[in-house]
PDB file of N, CA and C in Angstrom:
ATOM      1  N   UNK A   1       8.274 -37.559  89.419  1.00  0.00           N
ATOM      2  CA  UNK A   1       9.335 -37.804  90.356  1.00  0.00           C
ATOM      3  C   UNK A   1      10.428 -36.779  90.103  1.00  0.00           C
ATOM      4  N   UNK A   2      10.831 -36.107  91.140  1.00  0.00           N
ATOM      5  CA  UNK A   2      11.919 -35.137  91.040  1.00  0.00           C
ATOM      6  C   UNK A   2      13.237 -35.841  91.331  1.00  0.00           C
ATOM      7  N   UNK A   3      14.187 -35.683  90.426  1.00  0.00           N
ATOM      8  CA  UNK A   3      15.478 -36.347  90.550  1.00  0.00           C
ATOM      9  C   UNK A   3      16.551 -35.492  89.901  1.00  0.00           C
ATOM     10  N   UNK A   4      17.755 -35.454  90.480  1.00  0.00           N
ATOM     11  CA  UNK A   4      18.837 -34.705  89.840  1.00  0.00           C
ATOM     12  C   UNK A   4      19.230 -35.301  88.489  1.00  0.00           C
ATOM     13  N   UNK A   5      18.851 -36.561  88.250  1.00  0.00           N
ATOM     14  CA  UNK A   5      19.195 -37.227  86.999  1.00  0.00           C
ATOM     15  C   UNK A   5      18.052 -37.182  85.985  1.00  0.00           C
ATOM     16  N   UNK A   6      17.008 -36.412  86.251  1.00  0.00           N
ATOM     17  CA  UNK A   6      15.838 -36.386  85.382  1.00  0.00           C
ATOM     18  C   UNK A   6      15.950 -35.415  84.227  1.00  0.00           C
ATOM     19  N   UNK A   7      14.888 -35.419  83.408  1.00  0.00           N
ATOM     20  CA  UNK A   7      14.780 -34.468  82.304  1.00  0.00           C
ATOM     21  C   UNK A   7      14.684 -33.061  82.883  1.00  0.00           C
ATOM     22  N   UNK A   8      14.871 -32.053  82.034  1.00  0.00           N
ATOM     23  CA  UNK A   8      14.856 -30.690  82.543  1.00  0.00           C
ATOM     24  C   UNK A   8      13.882 -29.786  81.775  1.00  0.00           C
ATOM     25  N   UNK A   9      12.577 -30.167  81.727  1.00  0.00           N
ATOM     26  CA  UNK A   9      11.613 -29.244  81.114  1.00  0.00           C
ATOM     27  C   UNK A   9      11.251 -28.156  82.118  1.00  0.00           C
ATOM     28  N   UNK A  10      10.578 -27.119  81.684  1.00  0.00           N
ATOM     29  CA  UNK A  10      10.100 -26.155  82.669  1.00  0.00           C
ATOM     30  C   UNK A  10       8.967 -26.817  83.443  1.00  0.00           C
ATOM     31  N   UNK A  11       8.855 -26.507  84.723  1.00  0.00           N
ATOM     32  CA  UNK A  11       7.808 -27.106  85.547  1.00  0.00           C
ATOM     33  C   UNK A  11       6.430 -26.719  85.017  1.00  0.00           C
ATOM     34  N   UNK A  12       6.270 -25.491  84.576  1.00  0.00           N
ATOM     35  CA  UNK A  12       4.975 -25.042  84.082  1.00  0.00           C
ATOM     36  C   UNK A  12       4.580 -25.831  82.835  1.00  0.00           C
ATOM     37  N   UNK A  13       5.518 -26.061  81.926  1.00  0.00           N
ATOM     38  CA  UNK A  13       5.232 -26.845  80.727  1.00  0.00           C
ATOM     39  C   UNK A  13       4.882 -28.283  81.090  1.00  0.00           C
ATOM     40  N   UNK A  14       5.585 -28.847  82.052  1.00  0.00           N
ATOM     41  CA  UNK A  14       5.319 -30.217  82.480  1.00  0.00           C
ATOM     42  C   UNK A  14       3.922 -30.346  83.074  1.00  0.00           C
ATOM     43  N   UNK A  15       3.550 -29.459  83.994  1.00  0.00           N
ATOM     44  CA  UNK A  15       2.223 -29.517  84.603  1.00  0.00           C
ATOM     45  C   UNK A  15       1.127 -29.285  83.565  1.00  0.00           C
ATOM     46  N   UNK A  16       1.342 -28.379  82.638  1.00  0.00           N
ATOM     47  CA  UNK A  16       0.354 -28.131  81.588  1.00  0.00           C
ATOM     48  C   UNK A  16       0.147 -29.372  80.738  1.00  0.00           C
ATOM     49  N   UNK A  17       1.238 -30.056  80.387  1.00  0.00           N
ATOM     50  CA  UNK A  17       1.140 -31.277  79.581  1.00  0.00           C
ATOM     51  C   UNK A  17       0.410 -32.377  80.338  1.00  0.00           C
ATOM     52  N   UNK A  18       0.717 -32.562  81.607  1.00  0.00           N
ATOM     53  CA  UNK A  18       0.042 -33.583  82.408  1.00  0.00           C
ATOM     54  C   UNK A  18      -1.457 -33.302  82.463  1.00  0.00           C
ATOM     55  N   UNK A  19      -1.831 -32.059  82.701  1.00  0.00           N
ATOM     56  CA  UNK A  19      -3.248 -31.690  82.772  1.00  0.00           C
ATOM     57  C   UNK A  19      -3.939 -31.879  81.425  1.00  0.00           C
ATOM     58  N   UNK A  20      -3.278 -31.515  80.332  1.00  0.00           N
ATOM     59  CA  UNK A  20      -3.859 -31.681  78.998  1.00  0.00           C
ATOM     60  C   UNK A  20      -4.037 -33.152  78.657  1.00  0.00           C
ATOM     61  N   UNK A  21      -3.042 -33.986  78.980  1.00  0.00           N
ATOM     62  CA  UNK A  21      -3.144 -35.424  78.720  1.00  0.00           C
ATOM     63  C   UNK A  21      -4.292 -36.043  79.509  1.00  0.00           C
ATOM     64  N   UNK A  22      -4.443 -35.644  80.766  1.00  0.00           N
ATOM     65  CA  UNK A  22      -5.530 -36.169  81.602  1.00  0.00           C
ATOM     66  C   UNK A  22      -6.884 -35.721  81.063  1.00  0.00           C
ATOM     67  N   UNK A  23      -6.969 -34.481  80.628  1.00  0.00           N
ATOM     68  CA  UNK A  23      -8.226 -33.966  80.082  1.00  0.00           C
ATOM     69  C   UNK A  23      -8.584 -34.699  78.797  1.00  0.00           C
ATOM     70  N   UNK A  24      -7.599 -34.929  77.930  1.00  0.00           N
ATOM     71  CA  UNK A  24      -7.832 -35.645  76.676  1.00  0.00           C
ATOM     72  C   UNK A  24      -8.295 -37.077  76.931  1.00  0.00           C
ATOM     73  N   UNK A  25      -7.813 -37.668  78.019  1.00  0.00           N
ATOM     74  CA  UNK A  25      -8.205 -39.034  78.375  1.00  0.00           C
ATOM     75  C   UNK A  25      -9.543 -39.061  79.112  1.00  0.00           C
ATOM     76  N   UNK A  26     -10.111 -37.896  79.387  1.00  0.00           N
ATOM     77  CA  UNK A  26     -11.383 -37.823  80.092  1.00  0.00           C
ATOM     78  C   UNK A  26     -11.269 -38.056  81.582  1.00  0.00           C
ATOM     79  N   UNK A  27     -10.078 -37.886  82.129  1.00  0.00           N
ATOM     80  CA  UNK A  27      -9.849 -38.115  83.555  1.00  0.00           C
ATOM     81  C   UNK A  27      -9.834 -36.771  84.279  1.00  0.00           C
ATOM     82  N   UNK A  28     -11.005 -36.320  84.699  1.00  0.00           N
ATOM     83  CA  UNK A  28     -11.108 -35.008  85.346  1.00  0.00           C
ATOM     84  C   UNK A  28     -10.366 -34.949  86.674  1.00  0.00           C
ATOM     85  N   UNK A  29     -10.323 -36.077  87.397  1.00  0.00           N
ATOM     86  CA  UNK A  29      -9.618 -36.092  88.682  1.00  0.00           C
ATOM     87  C   UNK A  29      -8.126 -35.858  88.466  1.00  0.00           C
ATOM     88  N   UNK A  30      -7.514 -36.583  87.534  1.00  0.00           N
ATOM     89  CA  UNK A  30      -6.073 -36.458  87.279  1.00  0.00           C
ATOM     90  C   UNK A  30      -5.724 -35.127  86.638  1.00  0.00           C
ATOM     91  N   UNK A  31      -6.717 -34.495  86.011  1.00  0.00           N
ATOM     92  CA  UNK A  31      -6.470 -33.200  85.381  1.00  0.00           C
ATOM     93  C   UNK A  31      -6.041 -32.155  86.412  1.00  0.00           C
ATOM     94  N   UNK A  32      -6.550 -32.249  87.641  1.00  0.00           N
ATOM     95  CA  UNK A  32      -6.239 -31.277  88.690  1.00  0.00           C
ATOM     96  C   UNK A  32      -5.435 -31.860  89.845  1.00  0.00           C
ATOM     97  N   UNK A  33      -5.286 -33.170  89.909  1.00  0.00           N
ATOM     98  CA  UNK A  33      -4.631 -33.821  91.046  1.00  0.00           C
ATOM     99  C   UNK A  33      -3.370 -34.545  90.588  1.00  0.00           C
ATOM    100  N   UNK A  34      -2.239 -33.946  90.858  1.00  0.00           N
ATOM    101  CA  UNK A  34      -0.947 -34.464  90.426  1.00  0.00           C
ATOM    102  C   UNK A  34      -0.116 -34.781  91.663  1.00  0.00           C
ATOM    103  N   UNK A  35       0.586 -35.899  91.630  1.00  0.00           N
ATOM    104  CA  UNK A  35       1.441 -36.287  92.756  1.00  0.00           C
ATOM    105  C   UNK A  35       2.900 -35.998  92.406  1.00  0.00           C
ATOM    106  N   UNK A  36       3.604 -35.325  93.286  1.00  0.00           N
ATOM    107  CA  UNK A  36       5.038 -35.067  93.122  1.00  0.00           C
ATOM    108  C   UNK A  36       5.759 -35.632  94.335  1.00  0.00           C
ATOM    109  N   UNK A  37       6.791 -36.421  94.096  1.00  0.00           N
ATOM    110  CA  UNK A  37       7.591 -36.978  95.189  1.00  0.00           C
ATOM    111  C   UNK A  37       8.875 -36.170  95.314  1.00  0.00           C
ATOM    112  N   UNK A  38       9.133 -35.669  96.517  1.00  0.00           N
ATOM    113  CA  UNK A  38      10.339 -34.887  96.782  1.00  0.00           C
ATOM    114  C   UNK A  38      11.182 -35.667  97.777  1.00  0.00           C
ATOM    115  N   UNK A  39      12.413 -35.931  97.426  1.00  0.00           N
ATOM    116  CA  UNK A  39      13.315 -36.608  98.357  1.00  0.00           C
ATOM    117  C   UNK A  39      14.226 -35.589  99.019  1.00  0.00           C
ATOM    118  N   UNK A  40      14.233 -35.565 100.329  1.00  0.00           N
ATOM    119  CA  UNK A  40      15.095 -34.625 101.048  1.00  0.00           C
ATOM    120  C   UNK A  40      16.197 -35.379 101.761  1.00  0.00           C
ATOM    121  N   UNK A  41      17.162 -35.850 101.004  1.00  0.00           N
ATOM    122  CA  UNK A  41      18.190 -36.723 101.551  1.00  0.00           C
ATOM    123  C   UNK A  41      19.568 -36.067 101.507  1.00  0.00           C
ATOM    124  N   UNK A  42      20.373 -36.257 102.533  1.00  0.00           N
ATOM    125  CA  UNK A  42      21.730 -35.720 102.510  1.00  0.00           C
ATOM    126  C   UNK A  42      22.648 -36.521 101.587  1.00  0.00           C
ATOM    127  N   UNK A  43      22.220 -37.739 101.220  1.00  0.00           N
ATOM    128  CA  UNK A  43      23.078 -38.590 100.387  1.00  0.00           C
ATOM    129  C   UNK A  43      22.650 -38.601  98.924  1.00  0.00           C
ATOM    130  N   UNK A  44      21.953 -37.564  98.482  1.00  0.00           N
ATOM    131  CA  UNK A  44      21.693 -37.263  97.087  1.00  0.00           C
ATOM    132  C   UNK A  44      20.454 -37.884  96.465  1.00  0.00           C
ATOM    133  N   UNK A  45      20.085 -39.147  96.708  1.00  0.00           N
ATOM    134  CA  UNK A  45      18.999 -39.743  95.944  1.00  0.00           C
ATOM    135  C   UNK A  45      18.304 -40.858  96.717  1.00  0.00           C
ATOM    136  N   UNK A  46      17.193 -41.360  96.174  1.00  0.00           N
ATOM    137  CA  UNK A  46      16.473 -42.476  96.774  1.00  0.00           C
ATOM    138  C   UNK A  46      17.335 -43.732  96.738  1.00  0.00           C
ATOM    139  N   UNK A  47      17.214 -44.567  97.769  1.00  0.00           N
ATOM    140  CA  UNK A  47      17.960 -45.824  97.804  1.00  0.00           C
ATOM    141  C   UNK A  47      17.095 -47.003  97.389  1.00  0.00           C
ATOM    142  N   UNK A  48      15.787 -46.844  97.385  1.00  0.00           N
ATOM    143  CA  UNK A  48      14.886 -47.925  96.986  1.00  0.00           C
ATOM    144  C   UNK A  48      14.461 -47.725  95.530  1.00  0.00           C
ATOM    145  N   UNK A  49      13.664 -48.644  95.030  1.00  0.00           N
ATOM    146  CA  UNK A  49      13.229 -48.587  93.638  1.00  0.00           C
ATOM    147  C   UNK A  49      11.994 -47.695  93.471  1.00  0.00           C
ATOM    148  N   UNK A  50      12.035 -46.500  93.981  1.00  0.00           N
ATOM    149  CA  UNK A  50      10.922 -45.563  93.863  1.00  0.00           C
ATOM    150  C   UNK A  50      10.713 -45.175  92.402  1.00  0.00           C
ATOM    151  N   UNK A  51      11.776 -45.105  91.635  1.00  0.00           N
ATOM    152  CA  UNK A  51      11.677 -44.700  90.238  1.00  0.00           C
ATOM    153  C   UNK A  51      10.834 -45.668  89.419  1.00  0.00           C
ATOM    154  N   UNK A  52      10.767 -46.923  89.837  1.00  0.00           N
ATOM    155  CA  UNK A  52       9.938 -47.898  89.135  1.00  0.00           C
ATOM    156  C   UNK A  52       8.454 -47.597  89.236  1.00  0.00           C
ATOM    157  N   UNK A  53       8.059 -46.786  90.199  1.00  0.00           N
ATOM    158  CA  UNK A  53       6.657 -46.427  90.397  1.00  0.00           C
ATOM    159  C   UNK A  53       6.244 -45.196  89.604  1.00  0.00           C
ATOM    160  N   UNK A  54       7.211 -44.503  89.020  1.00  0.00           N
ATOM    161  CA  UNK A  54       6.941 -43.209  88.396  1.00  0.00           C
ATOM    162  C   UNK A  54       7.120 -43.272  86.892  1.00  0.00           C
ATOM    163  N   UNK A  55       6.368 -42.432  86.210  1.00  0.00           N
ATOM    164  CA  UNK A  55       6.476 -42.381  84.763  1.00  0.00           C
ATOM    165  C   UNK A  55       7.523 -41.408  84.259  1.00  0.00           C
ATOM    166  N   UNK A  56       7.766 -40.347  84.996  1.00  0.00           N
ATOM    167  CA  UNK A  56       8.660 -39.289  84.531  1.00  0.00           C
ATOM    168  C   UNK A  56       9.592 -38.843  85.648  1.00  0.00           C
ATOM    169  N   UNK A  57      10.867 -38.692  85.310  1.00  0.00           N
ATOM    170  CA  UNK A  57      11.833 -38.105  86.244  1.00  0.00           C
ATOM    171  C   UNK A  57      12.146 -36.696  85.755  1.00  0.00           C
ATOM    172  N   UNK A  58      12.105 -35.744  86.672  1.00  0.00           N
ATOM    173  CA  UNK A  58      12.307 -34.342  86.319  1.00  0.00           C
ATOM    174  C   UNK A  58      13.365 -33.729  87.225  1.00  0.00           C
ATOM    175  N   UNK A  59      14.239 -32.945  86.637  1.00  0.00           N
ATOM    176  CA  UNK A  59      15.234 -32.190  87.390  1.00  0.00           C
ATOM    177  C   UNK A  59      14.921 -30.708  87.210  1.00  0.00           C
ATOM    178  N   UNK A  60      14.811 -29.969  88.320  1.00  0.00           N
ATOM    179  CA  UNK A  60      14.502 -28.544  88.188  1.00  0.00           C
ATOM    180  C   UNK A  60      15.735 -27.660  88.331  1.00  0.00           C
ATOM    181  N   UNK A  61      16.854 -28.265  88.713  1.00  0.00           N
ATOM    182  CA  UNK A  61      18.089 -27.498  88.858  1.00  0.00           C
ATOM    183  C   UNK A  61      19.257 -28.472  88.802  1.00  0.00           C
ATOM    184  N   UNK A  62      20.390 -28.031  88.330  1.00  0.00           N
ATOM    185  CA  UNK A  62      21.536 -28.923  88.149  1.00  0.00           C
ATOM    186  C   UNK A  62      22.213 -29.330  89.454  1.00  0.00           C
ATOM    187  N   UNK A  63      21.943 -28.610  90.535  1.00  0.00           N
ATOM    188  CA  UNK A  63      22.537 -28.940  91.831  1.00  0.00           C
ATOM    189  C   UNK A  63      21.435 -29.177  92.857  1.00  0.00           C
ATOM    190  N   UNK A  64      21.830 -29.683  94.032  1.00  0.00           N
ATOM    191  CA  UNK A  64      20.854 -29.954  95.079  1.00  0.00           C
ATOM    192  C   UNK A  64      20.216 -28.658  95.570  1.00  0.00           C
ATOM    193  N   UNK A  65      18.923 -28.747  95.897  1.00  0.00           N
ATOM    194  CA  UNK A  65      18.178 -27.618  96.449  1.00  0.00           C
ATOM    195  C   UNK A  65      17.570 -28.038  97.782  1.00  0.00           C
ATOM    196  N   UNK A  66      17.189 -27.081  98.587  1.00  0.00           N
ATOM    197  CA  UNK A  66      16.506 -27.408  99.833  1.00  0.00           C
ATOM    198  C   UNK A  66      15.094 -27.900  99.510  1.00  0.00           C
ATOM    199  N   UNK A  67      14.538 -28.705 100.410  1.00  0.00           N
ATOM    200  CA  UNK A  67      13.202 -29.257 100.195  1.00  0.00           C
ATOM    201  C   UNK A  67      12.172 -28.140 100.046  1.00  0.00           C
ATOM    202  N   UNK A  68      12.262 -27.100 100.882  1.00  0.00           N
ATOM    203  CA  UNK A  68      11.264 -26.032 100.796  1.00  0.00           C
ATOM    204  C   UNK A  68      11.390 -25.242  99.502  1.00  0.00           C
ATOM    205  N   UNK A  69      12.564 -25.158  98.920  1.00  0.00           N
ATOM    206  CA  UNK A  69      12.721 -24.498  97.625  1.00  0.00           C
ATOM    207  C   UNK A  69      12.037 -25.311  96.537  1.00  0.00           C
ATOM    208  N   UNK A  70      12.242 -26.622  96.562  1.00  0.00           N
ATOM    209  CA  UNK A  70      11.614 -27.510  95.581  1.00  0.00           C
ATOM    210  C   UNK A  70      10.093 -27.468  95.734  1.00  0.00           C
ATOM    211  N   UNK A  71       9.606 -27.565  96.970  1.00  0.00           N
ATOM    212  CA  UNK A  71       8.160 -27.526  97.213  1.00  0.00           C
ATOM    213  C   UNK A  71       7.560 -26.212  96.718  1.00  0.00           C
ATOM    214  N   UNK A  72       8.249 -25.123  96.946  1.00  0.00           N
ATOM    215  CA  UNK A  72       7.777 -23.820  96.488  1.00  0.00           C
ATOM    216  C   UNK A  72       7.696 -23.770  94.967  1.00  0.00           C
ATOM    217  N   UNK A  73       8.716 -24.269  94.292  1.00  0.00           N
ATOM    218  CA  UNK A  73       8.719 -24.307  92.826  1.00  0.00           C
ATOM    219  C   UNK A  73       7.541 -25.124  92.305  1.00  0.00           C
ATOM    220  N   UNK A  74       7.296 -26.261  92.929  1.00  0.00           N
ATOM    221  CA  UNK A  74       6.186 -27.122  92.512  1.00  0.00           C
ATOM    222  C   UNK A  74       4.857 -26.393  92.687  1.00  0.00           C
ATOM    223  N   UNK A  75       4.634 -25.833  93.863  1.00  0.00           N
ATOM    224  CA  UNK A  75       3.356 -25.174  94.143  1.00  0.00           C
ATOM    225  C   UNK A  75       3.097 -23.982  93.230  1.00  0.00           C
ATOM    226  N   UNK A  76       4.093 -23.142  93.047  1.00  0.00           N
ATOM    227  CA  UNK A  76       3.922 -21.953  92.205  1.00  0.00           C
ATOM    228  C   UNK A  76       3.651 -22.349  90.757  1.00  0.00           C
ATOM    229  N   UNK A  77       4.428 -23.281  90.231  1.00  0.00           N
ATOM    230  CA  UNK A  77       4.250 -23.669  88.834  1.00  0.00           C
ATOM    231  C   UNK A  77       2.968 -24.452  88.604  1.00  0.00           C
ATOM    232  N   UNK A  78       2.570 -25.282  89.566  1.00  0.00           N
ATOM    233  CA  UNK A  78       1.293 -25.990  89.467  1.00  0.00           C
ATOM    234  C   UNK A  78       0.143 -24.984  89.445  1.00  0.00           C
ATOM    235  N   UNK A  79       0.186 -24.044  90.361  1.00  0.00           N
ATOM    236  CA  UNK A  79      -0.868 -23.025  90.434  1.00  0.00           C
ATOM    237  C   UNK A  79      -0.937 -22.207  89.144  1.00  0.00           C
ATOM    238  N   UNK A  80       0.194 -21.844  88.585  1.00  0.00           N
ATOM    239  CA  UNK A  80       0.224 -21.026  87.372  1.00  0.00           C
ATOM    240  C   UNK A  80      -0.216 -21.780  86.124  1.00  0.00           C
ATOM    241  N   UNK A  81      -0.036 -23.096  86.091  1.00  0.00           N
ATOM    242  CA  UNK A  81      -0.332 -23.828  84.867  1.00  0.00           C
ATOM    243  C   UNK A  81      -1.620 -24.636  84.911  1.00  0.00           C
ATOM    244  N   UNK A  82      -2.078 -25.051  86.081  1.00  0.00           N
ATOM    245  CA  UNK A  82      -3.234 -25.948  86.160  1.00  0.00           C
ATOM    246  C   UNK A  82      -4.461 -25.269  86.744  1.00  0.00           C
ATOM    247  N   UNK A  83      -4.283 -24.498  87.786  1.00  0.00           N
ATOM    248  CA  UNK A  83      -5.451 -23.907  88.459  1.00  0.00           C
ATOM    249  C   UNK A  83      -5.930 -22.639  87.791  1.00  0.00           C
TER     250      UNK A  83
END
């Protein structure tokens, strides 16, 4: 889950860790298939309990970014670390 209030690891390190954990658990599907939730809201954050569904909150920048910037960061770092 991407959130301005989340941890701030590098995206590449995060994706690598997720893939390694899935591989160690023998979950080949999860090793390559990761879900990222991006909220594109003018009022800063989710209003529902979406965070209760997620294991990790991640912040990629200290200020708000456009949705396409966030999506681009996710795709590039996922491709560089997992594929």
